[in-house]
């Protein structure tokens, strides 16, 4: 009987330590909306994401682009929103999103373009808290869906998204046109 009490206290202690560590993480972590002065950090994190995705030379965005298209004085020219994740005051991650529209549902859709956490800050609930905040934004804006794409080799991300209730829509494939194809199509007249 005595060993059970000791064992029970140990498991209670483990639980308490785990809860204390989670509380410390919450204190250390701050999720907030991005501001124009975050443009440099946003570009830095986008470059970090490009490295992670094995495309380090593909990034063309500048701080000026971020300000022009995300923090423009003319609200009609702001094409994205962005959340910043700070750990003990240091910017360690971001989530960049925008809204699309579901014609069948007649409701807006929140689309997550990019989410990235510095490697040394992963597994500290940073990505989860960014996703929770994005879900809150989607609810506040009346969104019928919250969507994103993930690279087919990023199994860790897929597992993470599934753990939060996300699902892979296998019947849908992403198509896109790059700038040259867009310009060619725009200049085609009655062909």
C-alpha atoms as a PDB file:
ATOM      1  CA  UNK A   1       0.000   0.000   0.000  1.00  0.00           C
ATOM      2  CA  UNK A   2       2.784   2.398   0.854  1.00  0.00           C
ATOM      3  CA  UNK A   3       4.491   1.938  -2.524  1.00  0.00           C
ATOM      4  CA  UNK A   4       1.221   2.820  -4.279  1.00  0.00           C
ATOM      5  CA  UNK A   5       1.030   6.118  -2.427  1.00  0.00           C
ATOM      6  CA  UNK A   6       4.607   6.961  -3.392  1.00  0.00           C
ATOM      7  CA  UNK A   7       3.934   5.949  -6.996  1.00  0.00           C
ATOM      8  CA  UNK A   8       0.725   7.991  -7.022  1.00  0.00           C
ATOM      9  CA  UNK A   9       2.586  11.017  -5.704  1.00  0.00           C
ATOM     10  CA  UNK A  10       5.256  10.582  -8.370  1.00  0.00           C
ATOM     11  CA  UNK A  11       2.713  10.519 -11.157  1.00  0.00           C
ATOM     12  CA  UNK A  12       0.945  13.518  -9.567  1.00  0.00           C
ATOM     13  CA  UNK A  13       4.319  15.263  -9.406  1.00  0.00           C
ATOM     14  CA  UNK A  14       4.989  14.469 -13.066  1.00  0.00           C
ATOM     15  CA  UNK A  15       1.598  15.853 -13.991  1.00  0.00           C
ATOM     16  CA  UNK A  16       2.220  19.015 -11.969  1.00  0.00           C
ATOM     17  CA  UNK A  17       5.647  19.502 -13.519  1.00  0.00           C
ATOM     18  CA  UNK A  18       4.157  19.062 -16.990  1.00  0.00           C
ATOM     19  CA  UNK A  19       1.439  21.606 -16.197  1.00  0.00           C
ATOM     20  CA  UNK A  20       4.019  24.025 -14.784  1.00  0.00           C
ATOM     21  CA  UNK A  21       6.122  23.746 -17.948  1.00  0.00           C
ATOM     22  CA  UNK A  22       3.035  24.420 -20.090  1.00  0.00           C
ATOM     23  CA  UNK A  23       2.244  27.479 -17.959  1.00  0.00           C
ATOM     24  CA  UNK A  24       5.807  28.752 -18.416  1.00  0.00           C
ATOM     25  CA  UNK A  25       5.466  28.294 -22.180  1.00  0.00           C
ATOM     26  CA  UNK A  26       2.251  30.322 -22.169  1.00  0.00           C
ATOM     27  CA  UNK A  27       4.015  33.089 -20.237  1.00  0.00           C
ATOM     28  CA  UNK A  28       6.988  33.050 -22.623  1.00  0.00           C
ATOM     29  CA  UNK A  29       4.835  32.953 -25.789  1.00  0.00           C
ATOM     30  CA  UNK A  30       2.997  35.939 -27.229  1.00  0.00           C
ATOM     31  CA  UNK A  31       0.901  35.792 -30.416  1.00  0.00           C
ATOM     32  CA  UNK A  32       0.027  39.180 -31.897  1.00  0.00           C
ATOM     33  CA  UNK A  33      -0.971  40.863 -35.143  1.00  0.00           C
ATOM     34  CA  UNK A  34       1.922  42.038 -37.261  1.00  0.00           C
ATOM     35  CA  UNK A  35       2.735  45.734 -37.678  1.00  0.00           C
ATOM     36  CA  UNK A  36       4.619  47.539 -40.467  1.00  0.00           C
ATOM     37  CA  UNK A  37       7.775  47.541 -38.336  1.00  0.00           C
ATOM     38  CA  UNK A  38       7.692  43.712 -38.462  1.00  0.00           C
ATOM     39  CA  UNK A  39       8.389  43.706 -42.220  1.00  0.00           C
ATOM     40  CA  UNK A  40      12.062  42.780 -41.734  1.00  0.00           C
ATOM     41  CA  UNK A  41      11.189  39.867 -39.446  1.00  0.00           C
ATOM     42  CA  UNK A  42       8.489  38.683 -41.846  1.00  0.00           C
ATOM     43  CA  UNK A  43      10.964  38.623 -44.743  1.00  0.00           C
ATOM     44  CA  UNK A  44      13.574  36.872 -42.542  1.00  0.00           C
ATOM     45  CA  UNK A  45      11.051  34.181 -41.580  1.00  0.00           C
ATOM     46  CA  UNK A  46       9.890  33.748 -45.194  1.00  0.00           C
ATOM     47  CA  UNK A  47      13.527  33.154 -46.149  1.00  0.00           C
ATOM     48  CA  UNK A  48      13.799  30.633 -43.312  1.00  0.00           C
ATOM     49  CA  UNK A  49      10.720  28.856 -44.631  1.00  0.00           C
ATOM     50  CA  UNK A  50      12.187  28.818 -48.152  1.00  0.00           C
ATOM     51  CA  UNK A  51      15.350  27.186 -46.810  1.00  0.00           C
ATOM     52  CA  UNK A  52      13.285  24.595 -44.955  1.00  0.00           C
ATOM     53  CA  UNK A  53      11.300  23.916 -48.144  1.00  0.00           C
ATOM     54  CA  UNK A  54      14.590  23.460 -50.069  1.00  0.00           C
ATOM     55  CA  UNK A  55      14.088  26.586 -52.204  1.00  0.00           C
ATOM     56  CA  UNK A  56      16.437  29.145 -50.593  1.00  0.00           C
ATOM     57  CA  UNK A  57      16.956  31.131 -53.802  1.00  0.00           C
ATOM     58  CA  UNK A  58      13.257  31.400 -54.722  1.00  0.00           C
ATOM     59  CA  UNK A  59      12.383  34.285 -52.371  1.00  0.00           C
ATOM     60  CA  UNK A  60      11.959  37.651 -54.090  1.00  0.00           C
ATOM     61  CA  UNK A  61       9.848  39.485 -51.502  1.00  0.00           C
ATOM     62  CA  UNK A  62      11.251  42.637 -49.908  1.00  0.00           C
ATOM     63  CA  UNK A  63      10.323  44.606 -46.819  1.00  0.00           C
ATOM     64  CA  UNK A  64       8.813  47.196 -49.150  1.00  0.00           C
ATOM     65  CA  UNK A  65       6.584  44.510 -50.705  1.00  0.00           C
ATOM     66  CA  UNK A  66       5.386  43.449 -47.255  1.00  0.00           C
ATOM     67  CA  UNK A  67       4.525  47.032 -46.316  1.00  0.00           C
ATOM     68  CA  UNK A  68       2.906  47.840 -49.674  1.00  0.00           C
ATOM     69  CA  UNK A  69       0.705  44.734 -49.782  1.00  0.00           C
ATOM     70  CA  UNK A  70       0.037  44.124 -46.106  1.00  0.00           C
ATOM     71  CA  UNK A  71       0.135  47.501 -44.376  1.00  0.00           C
ATOM     72  CA  UNK A  72      -1.012  49.927 -47.048  1.00  0.00           C
ATOM     73  CA  UNK A  73      -2.852  53.067 -45.951  1.00  0.00           C
ATOM     74  CA  UNK A  74      -5.482  52.181 -48.560  1.00  0.00           C
ATOM     75  CA  UNK A  75      -7.171  49.173 -46.901  1.00  0.00           C
ATOM     76  CA  UNK A  76      -8.310  47.929 -50.342  1.00  0.00           C
ATOM     77  CA  UNK A  77      -4.650  47.301 -51.204  1.00  0.00           C
ATOM     78  CA  UNK A  78      -3.909  45.094 -48.189  1.00  0.00           C
ATOM     79  CA  UNK A  79      -3.880  41.541 -49.480  1.00  0.00           C
ATOM     80  CA  UNK A  80      -2.879  39.619 -46.375  1.00  0.00           C
ATOM     81  CA  UNK A  81      -2.921  39.491 -42.616  1.00  0.00           C
ATOM     82  CA  UNK A  82      -0.067  38.226 -40.501  1.00  0.00           C
ATOM     83  CA  UNK A  83       0.378  36.934 -36.970  1.00  0.00           C
ATOM     84  CA  UNK A  84       3.725  37.099 -35.202  1.00  0.00           C
ATOM     85  CA  UNK A  85       4.876  34.647 -32.541  1.00  0.00           C
ATOM     86  CA  UNK A  86       7.244  36.027 -29.925  1.00  0.00           C
ATOM     87  CA  UNK A  87       9.105  33.947 -27.368  1.00  0.00           C
ATOM     88  CA  UNK A  88      10.303  36.015 -24.436  1.00  0.00           C
ATOM     89  CA  UNK A  89      10.138  39.121 -26.666  1.00  0.00           C
ATOM     90  CA  UNK A  90      11.982  37.580 -29.661  1.00  0.00           C
ATOM     91  CA  UNK A  91      10.128  37.011 -32.952  1.00  0.00           C
ATOM     92  CA  UNK A  92      10.335  33.250 -33.555  1.00  0.00           C
ATOM     93  CA  UNK A  93       7.532  32.536 -36.018  1.00  0.00           C
ATOM     94  CA  UNK A  94       4.741  33.854 -38.187  1.00  0.00           C
ATOM     95  CA  UNK A  95       1.559  32.893 -39.974  1.00  0.00           C
ATOM     96  CA  UNK A  96       0.570  34.796 -43.119  1.00  0.00           C
ATOM     97  CA  UNK A  97      -3.031  34.434 -44.282  1.00  0.00           C
ATOM     98  CA  UNK A  98      -5.696  35.945 -46.510  1.00  0.00           C
ATOM     99  CA  UNK A  99      -9.367  35.418 -47.282  1.00  0.00           C
ATOM    100  CA  UNK A 100     -10.983  33.749 -50.259  1.00  0.00           C
ATOM    101  CA  UNK A 101     -14.666  32.974 -50.781  1.00  0.00           C
ATOM    102  CA  UNK A 102     -16.707  29.778 -51.008  1.00  0.00           C
ATOM    103  CA  UNK A 103     -19.310  30.172 -53.741  1.00  0.00           C
ATOM    104  CA  UNK A 104     -21.198  27.050 -52.635  1.00  0.00           C
ATOM    105  CA  UNK A 105     -21.340  28.073 -48.988  1.00  0.00           C
ATOM    106  CA  UNK A 106     -21.680  31.806 -49.640  1.00  0.00           C
ATOM    107  CA  UNK A 107     -19.124  32.475 -46.910  1.00  0.00           C
ATOM    108  CA  UNK A 108     -15.509  33.621 -46.604  1.00  0.00           C
ATOM    109  CA  UNK A 109     -12.637  31.148 -46.252  1.00  0.00           C
ATOM    110  CA  UNK A 110      -9.419  31.793 -44.328  1.00  0.00           C
ATOM    111  CA  UNK A 111      -6.419  30.569 -46.323  1.00  0.00           C
ATOM    112  CA  UNK A 112      -3.111  30.082 -44.527  1.00  0.00           C
ATOM    113  CA  UNK A 113      -0.387  30.894 -47.042  1.00  0.00           C
ATOM    114  CA  UNK A 114       2.635  30.290 -44.809  1.00  0.00           C
ATOM    115  CA  UNK A 115       3.420  29.278 -41.259  1.00  0.00           C
ATOM    116  CA  UNK A 116       6.978  28.976 -40.015  1.00  0.00           C
ATOM    117  CA  UNK A 117       8.624  28.596 -36.634  1.00  0.00           C
ATOM    118  CA  UNK A 118      12.382  28.866 -36.118  1.00  0.00           C
ATOM    119  CA  UNK A 119      13.717  25.314 -35.612  1.00  0.00           C
ATOM    120  CA  UNK A 120      14.960  25.929 -32.071  1.00  0.00           C
ATOM    121  CA  UNK A 121      11.441  27.013 -30.995  1.00  0.00           C
ATOM    122  CA  UNK A 122       9.534  24.051 -32.423  1.00  0.00           C
ATOM    123  CA  UNK A 123       7.767  21.617 -30.081  1.00  0.00           C
ATOM    124  CA  UNK A 124       6.935  24.477 -27.711  1.00  0.00           C
ATOM    125  CA  UNK A 125       3.315  24.935 -28.817  1.00  0.00           C
ATOM    126  CA  UNK A 126       4.162  27.971 -30.976  1.00  0.00           C
ATOM    127  CA  UNK A 127       2.646  26.577 -34.200  1.00  0.00           C
ATOM    128  CA  UNK A 128      -0.367  25.267 -32.311  1.00  0.00           C
ATOM    129  CA  UNK A 129      -1.036  28.663 -30.738  1.00  0.00           C
ATOM    130  CA  UNK A 130      -0.716  30.377 -34.136  1.00  0.00           C
ATOM    131  CA  UNK A 131      -3.257  27.902 -35.552  1.00  0.00           C
ATOM    132  CA  UNK A 132      -5.596  28.495 -32.603  1.00  0.00           C
ATOM    133  CA  UNK A 133      -5.401  32.257 -33.170  1.00  0.00           C
ATOM    134  CA  UNK A 134      -6.070  31.791 -36.903  1.00  0.00           C
ATOM    135  CA  UNK A 135      -9.104  29.633 -36.061  1.00  0.00           C
ATOM    136  CA  UNK A 136     -10.379  32.430 -33.808  1.00  0.00           C
ATOM    137  CA  UNK A 137      -9.979  34.924 -36.668  1.00  0.00           C
ATOM    138  CA  UNK A 138     -11.854  32.543 -38.994  1.00  0.00           C
ATOM    139  CA  UNK A 139     -14.712  32.275 -36.487  1.00  0.00           C
ATOM    140  CA  UNK A 140     -14.826  36.060 -35.956  1.00  0.00           C
ATOM    141  CA  UNK A 141     -14.955  36.645 -39.722  1.00  0.00           C
ATOM    142  CA  UNK A 142     -17.679  34.035 -40.299  1.00  0.00           C
ATOM    143  CA  UNK A 143     -15.492  31.695 -42.330  1.00  0.00           C
ATOM    144  CA  UNK A 144     -16.904  28.373 -43.440  1.00  0.00           C
ATOM    145  CA  UNK A 145     -13.438  26.831 -43.919  1.00  0.00           C
ATOM    146  CA  UNK A 146      -9.796  27.235 -42.901  1.00  0.00           C
ATOM    147  CA  UNK A 147      -7.503  25.895 -45.616  1.00  0.00           C
ATOM    148  CA  UNK A 148      -3.805  25.513 -46.374  1.00  0.00           C
ATOM    149  CA  UNK A 149      -1.442  23.422 -48.468  1.00  0.00           C
ATOM    150  CA  UNK A 150       1.429  21.264 -47.254  1.00  0.00           C
ATOM    151  CA  UNK A 151       4.320  19.785 -49.217  1.00  0.00           C
ATOM    152  CA  UNK A 152       3.910  16.061 -49.843  1.00  0.00           C
ATOM    153  CA  UNK A 153       7.205  15.237 -48.092  1.00  0.00           C
ATOM    154  CA  UNK A 154       6.447  17.194 -44.898  1.00  0.00           C
ATOM    155  CA  UNK A 155       5.004  14.296 -42.902  1.00  0.00           C
ATOM    156  CA  UNK A 156       5.591  16.025 -39.541  1.00  0.00           C
ATOM    157  CA  UNK A 157       3.428  18.955 -40.639  1.00  0.00           C
ATOM    158  CA  UNK A 158       0.713  16.625 -41.917  1.00  0.00           C
ATOM    159  CA  UNK A 159       0.660  14.765 -38.601  1.00  0.00           C
ATOM    160  CA  UNK A 160       0.533  18.094 -36.739  1.00  0.00           C
ATOM    161  CA  UNK A 161      -2.400  19.354 -38.835  1.00  0.00           C
ATOM    162  CA  UNK A 162      -4.282  16.071 -38.424  1.00  0.00           C
ATOM    163  CA  UNK A 163      -3.766  16.248 -34.647  1.00  0.00           C
ATOM    164  CA  UNK A 164      -5.717  19.526 -34.684  1.00  0.00           C
ATOM    165  CA  UNK A 165      -8.576  18.196 -36.806  1.00  0.00           C
ATOM    166  CA  UNK A 166      -7.286  19.061 -40.279  1.00  0.00           C
ATOM    167  CA  UNK A 167      -7.842  16.607 -43.114  1.00  0.00           C
ATOM    168  CA  UNK A 168      -6.274  16.059 -46.513  1.00  0.00           C
ATOM    169  CA  UNK A 169      -8.707  16.556 -49.375  1.00  0.00           C
ATOM    170  CA  UNK A 170      -7.265  14.007 -51.806  1.00  0.00           C
ATOM    171  CA  UNK A 171      -9.823  14.739 -54.515  1.00  0.00           C
ATOM    172  CA  UNK A 172      -8.507  18.304 -54.960  1.00  0.00           C
ATOM    173  CA  UNK A 173      -5.260  19.168 -56.762  1.00  0.00           C
ATOM    174  CA  UNK A 174      -3.619  22.590 -56.705  1.00  0.00           C
ATOM    175  CA  UNK A 175      -3.183  24.258 -60.096  1.00  0.00           C
ATOM    176  CA  UNK A 176      -1.382  27.530 -60.693  1.00  0.00           C
ATOM    177  CA  UNK A 177      -0.073  29.876 -63.318  1.00  0.00           C
ATOM    178  CA  UNK A 178       3.169  31.777 -62.888  1.00  0.00           C
ATOM    179  CA  UNK A 179       3.654  35.362 -64.071  1.00  0.00           C
ATOM    180  CA  UNK A 180       4.583  34.484 -67.689  1.00  0.00           C
ATOM    181  CA  UNK A 181       1.543  32.214 -68.098  1.00  0.00           C
ATOM    182  CA  UNK A 182      -0.745  34.852 -66.564  1.00  0.00           C
ATOM    183  CA  UNK A 183       0.543  37.521 -68.952  1.00  0.00           C
ATOM    184  CA  UNK A 184       0.222  35.184 -71.946  1.00  0.00           C
ATOM    185  CA  UNK A 185      -3.370  34.363 -71.038  1.00  0.00           C
ATOM    186  CA  UNK A 186      -4.217  38.009 -70.379  1.00  0.00           C
ATOM    187  CA  UNK A 187      -2.901  39.020 -73.781  1.00  0.00           C
ATOM    188  CA  UNK A 188      -4.729  36.227 -75.659  1.00  0.00           C
ATOM    189  CA  UNK A 189      -7.668  37.620 -77.593  1.00  0.00           C
ATOM    190  CA  UNK A 190     -10.173  35.181 -79.052  1.00  0.00           C
ATOM    191  CA  UNK A 191      -7.625  32.465 -79.703  1.00  0.00           C
END
